[in-house]
Amino acid sequence: MDIEVIAIDSAVAGRKLTAEKVADGLKASRVENKVKHRKLIIPGKAAHLSGEIEEQSGWHVLVGPRDSSDIPKFLQEKWQKQD
């Protein structure tokens, strides 16, 4: 989803990234018809939104790394275990 900013922490602080917007984006995109799971990875800097996103969307939220350079390692270690 387009959060209109470069940094996640700015998006969260400026309310460009909220649990409601994530849930609405999931519904609008109809992504549930394109995947076999209901798992969503959110940036580590948005970790405090995880519970509310789960409540509003019905998806299981995994909190990803704080830095995007750690995404490959995160996917190797965490995503494989979730399958």
Protein backbone atom coordinates (compact mmCIF):
# COMPACT_ATOMS: atom_id res chain seq x y z
CA MET A 1 0.00 0.00 0.00
CA ASP A 2 1.14 3.52 -0.66
CA ILE A 3 1.96 5.21 2.63
CA GLU A 4 3.00 8.48 0.95
CA VAL A 5 6.30 8.69 2.83
CA ILE A 6 9.74 7.15 2.62
CA ALA A 7 10.23 5.96 6.20
CA ILE A 8 7.97 3.53 8.06
CA ASP A 9 8.45 5.28 11.39
CA SER A 10 7.30 8.55 9.78
CA ALA A 11 4.28 6.79 8.28
CA VAL A 12 3.26 5.35 11.65
CA ALA A 13 3.83 8.63 13.48
CA GLY A 14 1.94 10.60 10.81
CA ARG A 15 -0.94 8.08 10.75
CA LYS A 16 -0.29 7.24 7.10
CA LEU A 17 0.13 3.63 8.22
CA THR A 18 -2.59 2.45 10.59
CA ALA A 19 -4.18 -0.90 11.35
CA GLU A 20 -7.41 0.26 9.74
CA LYS A 21 -5.64 1.30 6.53
CA VAL A 22 -3.81 -2.04 6.36
CA ALA A 23 -7.04 -4.00 6.88
CA ASP A 24 -8.83 -1.89 4.28
CA GLY A 25 -5.94 -2.36 1.84
CA LEU A 26 -6.04 -6.13 2.27
CA LYS A 27 -9.76 -6.18 1.58
CA ALA A 28 -9.57 -3.82 -1.39
CA SER A 29 -6.73 -5.74 -3.03
CA ARG A 30 -8.55 -9.07 -2.60
CA VAL A 31 -5.15 -10.60 -1.95
CA GLU A 32 -6.79 -13.47 -0.05
CA ASN A 33 -7.82 -14.84 -3.47
CA LYS A 34 -4.19 -14.87 -4.61
CA VAL A 35 -2.46 -16.62 -1.71
CA LYS A 36 -2.98 -19.87 0.19
CA HIS A 37 -2.36 -18.36 3.61
CA ARG A 38 -3.50 -15.47 5.77
CA LYS A 39 -0.10 -14.26 6.94
CA LEU A 40 1.10 -10.70 6.70
CA ILE A 41 4.60 -9.47 7.41
CA ILE A 42 4.79 -5.91 8.68
CA PRO A 43 7.92 -3.82 9.22
CA GLY A 44 9.52 -4.10 12.65
CA LYS A 45 9.09 -0.36 13.17
CA ALA A 46 5.33 -0.87 12.97
CA ALA A 47 5.32 -3.76 15.46
CA HIS A 48 2.92 -2.08 17.87
CA LEU A 49 0.21 -2.22 15.18
CA SER A 50 0.35 -6.02 14.88
CA GLY A 51 -2.43 -6.90 17.32
CA GLU A 52 -4.82 -4.32 15.98
CA ILE A 53 -4.10 -5.36 12.39
CA GLU A 54 -4.90 -8.97 13.32
CA GLU A 55 -8.17 -7.91 14.98
CA GLN A 56 -9.30 -5.74 12.09
CA SER A 57 -8.14 -7.95 9.21
CA GLY A 58 -8.36 -11.51 10.49
CA TRP A 59 -4.85 -12.14 9.17
CA HIS A 60 -1.96 -13.51 11.26
CA VAL A 61 0.71 -10.82 11.54
CA LEU A 62 4.41 -11.56 11.63
CA VAL A 63 6.65 -8.69 12.70
CA GLY A 64 9.53 -8.39 10.29
CA PRO A 65 12.95 -6.85 10.76
CA ARG A 66 13.44 -3.21 11.63
CA ASP A 67 15.81 -2.74 8.69
CA SER A 68 14.96 -3.78 5.13
CA SER A 69 18.47 -5.14 4.59
CA ASP A 70 17.53 -7.96 7.00
CA ILE A 71 14.52 -9.13 4.98
CA PRO A 72 16.31 -12.03 3.19
CA LYS A 73 17.59 -13.43 6.49
CA PHE A 74 14.17 -12.97 8.10
CA LEU A 75 12.44 -14.86 5.30
CA GLN A 76 14.94 -17.73 5.47
CA GLU A 77 14.61 -18.06 9.23
CA LYS A 78 10.97 -17.20 9.90
CA TRP A 79 8.89 -17.75 6.78
CA GLN A 80 10.05 -21.32 6.19
CA LYS A 81 9.04 -22.20 9.73
CA GLN A 82 5.55 -20.75 9.15
CA ASP A 83 4.67 -22.79 6.05
